[in-house]
PDB file of N, CA and C in Angstrom:
ATOM      1  N   MET A   1     102.115  99.830  75.373  1.00  0.00           N
ATOM      2  CA  MET A   1     102.775  98.319  75.632  1.00  0.00           C
ATOM      3  C   MET A   1     101.703  98.004  76.741  1.00  0.00           C
ATOM      4  N   GLU A   2     101.361  97.016  76.997  1.00  0.00           N
ATOM      5  CA  GLU A   2     100.712  96.604  78.452  1.00  0.00           C
ATOM      6  C   GLU A   2     101.182  95.016  79.210  1.00  0.00           C
ATOM      7  N   ILE A   3     101.604  95.128  80.041  1.00  0.00           N
ATOM      8  CA  ILE A   3     101.640  93.882  80.770  1.00  0.00           C
ATOM      9  C   ILE A   3     100.770  93.184  81.741  1.00  0.00           C
ATOM     10  N   VAL A   4     100.920  91.730  81.790  1.00  0.00           N
ATOM     11  CA  VAL A   4      99.852  91.239  82.447  1.00  0.00           C
ATOM     12  C   VAL A   4     100.139  90.518  83.172  1.00  0.00           C
ATOM     13  N   PHE A   5      99.358  90.495  84.200  1.00  0.00           N
ATOM     14  CA  PHE A   5      99.830  89.607  85.477  1.00  0.00           C
ATOM     15  C   PHE A   5      98.692  88.463  86.319  1.00  0.00           C
ATOM     16  N   ALA A   6      99.106  86.988  86.184  1.00  0.00           N
ATOM     17  CA  ALA A   6      98.326  85.839  86.578  1.00  0.00           C
ATOM     18  C   ALA A   6      98.162  86.471  88.087  1.00  0.00           C
ATOM     19  N   ILE A   7      96.910  86.587  88.581  1.00  0.00           N
ATOM     20  CA  ILE A   7      96.376  86.508  89.940  1.00  0.00           C
ATOM     21  C   ILE A   7      96.044  85.227  90.292  1.00  0.00           C
ATOM     22  N   THR A   8      96.323  85.180  91.492  1.00  0.00           N
ATOM     23  CA  THR A   8      95.855  83.858  91.616  1.00  0.00           C
ATOM     24  C   THR A   8      95.778  83.995  93.918  1.00  0.00           C
ATOM     25  N   GLN A   9      94.386  82.962  94.336  1.00  0.00           N
ATOM     26  CA  GLN A   9      94.231  83.345  95.059  1.00  0.00           C
ATOM     27  C   GLN A   9      94.737  82.291  96.197  1.00  0.00           C
ATOM     28  N   GLU A  10      95.141  82.851  97.360  1.00  0.00           N
ATOM     29  CA  GLU A  10      95.735  81.701  98.391  1.00  0.00           C
ATOM     30  C   GLU A  10      95.347  81.208  99.047  1.00  0.00           C
ATOM     31  N   ALA A  11      95.168  80.105  99.538  1.00  0.00           N
ATOM     32  CA  ALA A  11      94.215  78.988 101.192  1.00  0.00           C
ATOM     33  C   ALA A  11      94.206  80.427 101.532  1.00  0.00           C
ATOM     34  N   ASP A  12      94.201  80.975 102.234  1.00  0.00           N
ATOM     35  CA  ASP A  12      94.478  81.669 103.491  1.00  0.00           C
ATOM     36  C   ASP A  12      93.306  83.068 103.117  1.00  0.00           C
ATOM     37  N   GLY A  13      93.362  82.927 101.311  1.00  0.00           N
ATOM     38  CA  GLY A  13      92.238  83.696 101.079  1.00  0.00           C
ATOM     39  C   GLY A  13      92.851  85.582 100.565  1.00  0.00           C
ATOM     40  N   GLY A  14      94.244  85.525 100.795  1.00  0.00           N
ATOM     41  CA  GLY A  14      94.574  86.513  99.923  1.00  0.00           C
ATOM     42  C   GLY A  14      94.980  86.303  98.864  1.00  0.00           C
ATOM     43  N   PHE A  15      95.592  86.959  97.681  1.00  0.00           N
ATOM     44  CA  PHE A  15      95.652  86.955  96.586  1.00  0.00           C
ATOM     45  C   PHE A  15      97.632  87.468  96.645  1.00  0.00           C
ATOM     46  N   VAL A  16      98.047  86.460  95.180  1.00  0.00           N
ATOM     47  CA  VAL A  16      99.381  87.494  94.617  1.00  0.00           C
ATOM     48  C   VAL A  16      99.332  87.209  93.327  1.00  0.00           C
ATOM     49  N   ALA A  17     100.539  88.848  92.684  1.00  0.00           N
ATOM     50  CA  ALA A  17     100.030  88.497  91.513  1.00  0.00           C
ATOM     51  C   ALA A  17     101.497  88.469  90.953  1.00  0.00           C
ATOM     52  N   GLU A  18     102.180  87.837  89.621  1.00  0.00           N
ATOM     53  CA  GLU A  18     102.957  87.802  89.069  1.00  0.00           C
ATOM     54  C   GLU A  18     102.937  88.240  87.703  1.00  0.00           C
ATOM     55  N   CYS A  19     103.728  88.832  87.413  1.00  0.00           N
ATOM     56  CA  CYS A  19     104.257  89.472  86.435  1.00  0.00           C
ATOM     57  C   CYS A  19     104.346  88.139  85.107  1.00  0.00           C
ATOM     58  N   LEU A  20     103.793  88.335  83.975  1.00  0.00           N
ATOM     59  CA  LEU A  20     104.269  87.179  83.214  1.00  0.00           C
ATOM     60  C   LEU A  20     105.398  87.208  82.071  1.00  0.00           C
ATOM     61  N   SER A  21     105.837  88.710  82.287  1.00  0.00           N
ATOM     62  CA  SER A  21     107.031  89.003  80.984  1.00  0.00           C
ATOM     63  C   SER A  21     108.248  89.950  81.956  1.00  0.00           C
ATOM     64  N   HIS A  22     107.550  89.937  82.911  1.00  0.00           N
ATOM     65  CA  HIS A  22     109.317  90.798  83.986  1.00  0.00           C
ATOM     66  C   HIS A  22     109.350  90.462  85.157  1.00  0.00           C
ATOM     67  N   ASP A  23     110.284  90.726  86.002  1.00  0.00           N
ATOM     68  CA  ASP A  23     110.386  89.471  87.231  1.00  0.00           C
ATOM     69  C   ASP A  23     109.502  90.878  88.249  1.00  0.00           C
ATOM     70  N   ILE A  24     108.451  90.855  88.162  1.00  0.00           N
ATOM     71  CA  ILE A  24     107.722  91.342  89.349  1.00  0.00           C
ATOM     72  C   ILE A  24     106.386  90.983  89.594  1.00  0.00           C
ATOM     73  N   VAL A  25     106.621  90.731  91.301  1.00  0.00           N
ATOM     74  CA  VAL A  25     105.086  90.118  91.957  1.00  0.00           C
ATOM     75  C   VAL A  25     104.786  90.780  93.241  1.00  0.00           C
ATOM     76  N   THR A  26     103.737  90.650  93.901  1.00  0.00           N
ATOM     77  CA  THR A  26     103.327  91.267  94.574  1.00  0.00           C
ATOM     78  C   THR A  26     102.214  90.486  95.088  1.00  0.00           C
ATOM     79  N   GLN A  27     102.220  90.993  96.653  1.00  0.00           N
ATOM     80  CA  GLN A  27     100.372  90.158  97.192  1.00  0.00           C
ATOM     81  C   GLN A  27      99.779  91.451  98.273  1.00  0.00           C
ATOM     82  N   ALA A  28      98.391  90.655  98.041  1.00  0.00           N
ATOM     83  CA  ALA A  28      97.776  91.526  99.468  1.00  0.00           C
ATOM     84  C   ALA A  28      97.150  90.523 100.172  1.00  0.00           C
ATOM     85  N   ASP A  29      95.835  90.888 100.851  1.00  0.00           N
ATOM     86  CA  ASP A  29      95.111  90.585 101.526  1.00  0.00           C
ATOM     87  C   ASP A  29      93.591  90.762 100.576  1.00  0.00           C
ATOM     88  N   THR A  30      93.181  91.968 100.159  1.00  0.00           N
ATOM     89  CA  THR A  30      92.267  92.185  99.117  1.00  0.00           C
ATOM     90  C   THR A  30      92.744  92.413  98.260  1.00  0.00           C
ATOM     91  N   TRP A  31      91.437  92.306  96.966  1.00  0.00           N
ATOM     92  CA  TRP A  31      91.233  92.785  96.002  1.00  0.00           C
ATOM     93  C   TRP A  31      92.032  94.098  95.709  1.00  0.00           C
ATOM     94  N   ASP A  32      91.427  95.003  96.457  1.00  0.00           N
ATOM     95  CA  ASP A  32      91.756  96.299  96.573  1.00  0.00           C
ATOM     96  C   ASP A  32      93.038  96.515  96.857  1.00  0.00           C
ATOM     97  N   GLU A  33      93.717  95.937  97.848  1.00  0.00           N
ATOM     98  CA  GLU A  33      95.325  96.170  98.456  1.00  0.00           C
ATOM     99  C   GLU A  33      95.966  95.970  97.322  1.00  0.00           C
ATOM    100  N   LEU A  34      95.334  94.340  96.412  1.00  0.00           N
ATOM    101  CA  LEU A  34      96.155  94.172  95.437  1.00  0.00           C
ATOM    102  C   LEU A  34      96.393  94.848  94.046  1.00  0.00           C
ATOM    103  N   ARG A  35      95.621  95.500  93.634  1.00  0.00           N
ATOM    104  CA  ARG A  35      95.417  96.802  92.823  1.00  0.00           C
ATOM    105  C   ARG A  35      96.138  97.863  93.158  1.00  0.00           C
ATOM    106  N   ARG A  36      96.589  98.564  93.959  1.00  0.00           N
ATOM    107  CA  ARG A  36      97.464  99.215  94.379  1.00  0.00           C
ATOM    108  C   ARG A  36      98.564  98.910  94.367  1.00  0.00           C
ATOM    109  N   ASN A  37      99.214  97.518  95.168  1.00  0.00           N
ATOM    110  CA  ASN A  37     100.184  96.797  95.110  1.00  0.00           C
ATOM    111  C   ASN A  37     100.846  96.618  93.614  1.00  0.00           C
ATOM    112  N   VAL A  38      99.851  96.264  92.778  1.00  0.00           N
ATOM    113  CA  VAL A  38     100.519  95.810  91.705  1.00  0.00           C
ATOM    114  C   VAL A  38     100.735  97.608  91.064  1.00  0.00           C
ATOM    115  N   VAL A  39     100.613  98.429  90.838  1.00  0.00           N
ATOM    116  CA  VAL A  39     100.607  99.322  90.475  1.00  0.00           C
ATOM    117  C   VAL A  39     101.674  99.941  91.292  1.00  0.00           C
ATOM    118  N   GLU A  40     101.888  99.980  92.233  1.00  0.00           N
ATOM    119  CA  GLU A  40     103.301 100.193  92.837  1.00  0.00           C
ATOM    120  C   GLU A  40     104.718  99.365  92.814  1.00  0.00           C
ATOM    121  N   ALA A  41     104.275  98.527  92.392  1.00  0.00           N
ATOM    122  CA  ALA A  41     105.084  97.459  92.313  1.00  0.00           C
ATOM    123  C   ALA A  41     106.008  97.280  91.037  1.00  0.00           C
ATOM    124  N   VAL A  42     104.930  97.731  89.592  1.00  0.00           N
ATOM    125  CA  VAL A  42     105.540  98.615  88.420  1.00  0.00           C
ATOM    126  C   VAL A  42     105.758  99.773  88.411  1.00  0.00           C
ATOM    127  N   THR A  43     105.131 100.911  89.001  1.00  0.00           N
ATOM    128  CA  THR A  43     106.315 101.694  89.182  1.00  0.00           C
ATOM    129  C   THR A  43     107.518 101.774  89.586  1.00  0.00           C
ATOM    130  N   ALA A  44     107.705 100.953  90.670  1.00  0.00           N
ATOM    131  CA  ALA A  44     109.221 101.076  91.465  1.00  0.00           C
ATOM    132  C   ALA A  44     110.276 100.214  90.558  1.00  0.00           C
ATOM    133  N   TYR A  45     109.230  99.342  89.634  1.00  0.00           N
ATOM    134  CA  TYR A  45     110.284  98.416  88.260  1.00  0.00           C
ATOM    135  C   TYR A  45     110.913  99.695  87.329  1.00  0.00           C
ATOM    136  N   PHE A  46     109.588 100.039  86.917  1.00  0.00           N
ATOM    137  CA  PHE A  46     110.194 101.209  85.827  1.00  0.00           C
ATOM    138  C   PHE A  46     110.220 102.281  85.734  1.00  0.00           C
ATOM    139  N   PHE A  47     110.574 102.520  86.820  1.00  0.00           N
ATOM    140  CA  PHE A  47     111.291 104.153  87.397  1.00  0.00           C
ATOM    141  C   PHE A  47     111.987 104.766  86.492  1.00  0.00           C
ATOM    142  N   ASP A  48     112.918 104.167  85.808  1.00  0.00           N
ATOM    143  CA  ASP A  48     113.708 104.451  85.101  1.00  0.00           C
ATOM    144  C   ASP A  48     114.075 103.825  83.535  1.00  0.00           C
ATOM    145  N   GLN A  49     112.521 103.829  83.518  1.00  0.00           N
ATOM    146  CA  GLN A  49     112.117 102.869  81.705  1.00  0.00           C
ATOM    147  C   GLN A  49     110.916 103.913  81.678  1.00  0.00           C
ATOM    148  N   PRO A  50     110.476 103.513  80.514  1.00  0.00           N
ATOM    149  CA  PRO A  50     108.828 104.068  79.758  1.00  0.00           C
ATOM    150  C   PRO A  50     108.249 103.137  80.614  1.00  0.00           C
ATOM    151  N   MET A  51     106.714 103.956  81.151  1.00  0.00           N
ATOM    152  CA  MET A  51     105.871 103.247  81.644  1.00  0.00           C
ATOM    153  C   MET A  51     104.921 102.462  80.745  1.00  0.00           C
ATOM    154  N   PRO A  52     104.147 101.261  80.812  1.00  0.00           N
ATOM    155  CA  PRO A  52     103.654 100.497  80.506  1.00  0.00           C
ATOM    156  C   PRO A  52     102.072 101.545  80.224  1.00  0.00           C
ATOM    157  N   ALA A  53     101.720 101.592  79.301  1.00  0.00           N
ATOM    158  CA  ALA A  53     100.202 101.914  79.365  1.00  0.00           C
ATOM    159  C   ALA A  53      99.051 101.825  79.995  1.00  0.00           C
ATOM    160  N   ARG A  54      98.966 100.068  79.848  1.00  0.00           N
ATOM    161  CA  ARG A  54      97.890  99.241  80.581  1.00  0.00           C
ATOM    162  C   ARG A  54      98.691  98.431  81.340  1.00  0.00           C
ATOM    163  N   ILE A  55      97.950  97.825  82.665  1.00  0.00           N
ATOM    164  CA  ILE A  55      98.152  97.242  83.368  1.00  0.00           C
ATOM    165  C   ILE A  55      97.030  95.833  82.926  1.00  0.00           C
ATOM    166  N   ARG A  56      96.954  94.410  82.997  1.00  0.00           N
ATOM    167  CA  ARG A  56      96.009  93.425  82.772  1.00  0.00           C
ATOM    168  C   ARG A  56      96.180  92.919  83.988  1.00  0.00           C
ATOM    169  N   LEU A  57      95.013  92.761  84.939  1.00  0.00           N
ATOM    170  CA  LEU A  57      94.991  91.343  86.090  1.00  0.00           C
ATOM    171  C   LEU A  57      94.116  90.061  85.343  1.00  0.00           C
ATOM    172  N   HIS A  58      94.737  88.887  85.056  1.00  0.00           N
ATOM    173  CA  HIS A  58      94.230  88.141  84.524  1.00  0.00           C
ATOM    174  C   HIS A  58      93.919  87.290  86.204  1.00  0.00           C
ATOM    175  N   PHE A  59      92.810  87.500  86.691  1.00  0.00           N
ATOM    176  CA  PHE A  59      92.483  86.321  87.261  1.00  0.00           C
ATOM    177  C   PHE A  59      92.593  84.539  87.041  1.00  0.00           C
ATOM    178  N   VAL A  60      93.383  83.634  87.931  1.00  0.00           N
ATOM    179  CA  VAL A  60      93.591  82.353  87.960  1.00  0.00           C
ATOM    180  C   VAL A  60      93.039  81.343  88.380  1.00  0.00           C
ATOM    181  N   ARG A  61      92.014  80.382  88.182  1.00  0.00           N
ATOM    182  CA  ARG A  61      92.002  79.656  89.131  1.00  0.00           C
ATOM    183  C   ARG A  61      91.210  78.304  88.929  1.00  0.00           C
ATOM    184  N   ASP A  62      92.009  77.726  89.467  1.00  0.00           N
ATOM    185  CA  ASP A  62      92.031  76.046  88.859  1.00  0.00           C
ATOM    186  C   ASP A  62      90.831  75.130  89.651  1.00  0.00           C
ATOM    187  N   GLU A  63      89.437  74.673  88.793  1.00  0.00           N
ATOM    188  CA  GLU A  63      88.961  73.772  89.764  1.00  0.00           C
ATOM    189  C   GLU A  63      88.948  72.474  89.433  1.00  0.00           C
ATOM    190  N   VAL A  64      89.231  71.356  90.321  1.00  0.00           N
ATOM    191  CA  VAL A  64      88.968  70.185  90.340  1.00  0.00           C
ATOM    192  C   VAL A  64      87.717  69.947  90.271  1.00  0.00           C
ATOM    193  N   LEU A  65      87.068  68.645  88.949  1.00  0.00           N
ATOM    194  CA  LEU A  65      85.484  68.122  89.164  1.00  0.00           C
ATOM    195  C   LEU A  65      85.875  66.662  88.960  1.00  0.00           C
ATOM    196  N   ALA A  66      85.371  66.125  90.188  1.00  0.00           N
ATOM    197  CA  ALA A  66      84.931  64.712  90.444  1.00  0.00           C
ATOM    198  C   ALA A  66      84.432  64.138  88.963  1.00  0.00           C
ATOM    199  N   VAL A  67      84.391  63.013  88.541  1.00  0.00           N
ATOM    200  CA  VAL A  67      84.056  62.670  87.381  1.00  0.00           C
ATOM    201  C   VAL A  67      83.585  61.461  87.816  1.00  0.00           C
ATOM    202  N   ALA A  68      82.043  61.287  88.389  1.00  0.00           N
ATOM    203  CA  ALA A  68      81.658  59.577  88.638  1.00  0.00           C
ATOM    204  C   ALA A  68      81.654  58.677  87.909  1.00  0.00           C
TER     205      ALA A  68
END
């Protein structure tokens, strides 16, 4: 089983990770810290269930372009 997190970057530079299939959300100031927090949050969520084999982090970036 694989679970997917949508990652967005906040205006202050931090990151938010939200799982698309389970009620798991975490945040961090850096990418490395976010990776650790995601693993910790998943481990806590699945403490009494089979753990997913993989965690996919999908970085979502919105960009608006002006068309003249």
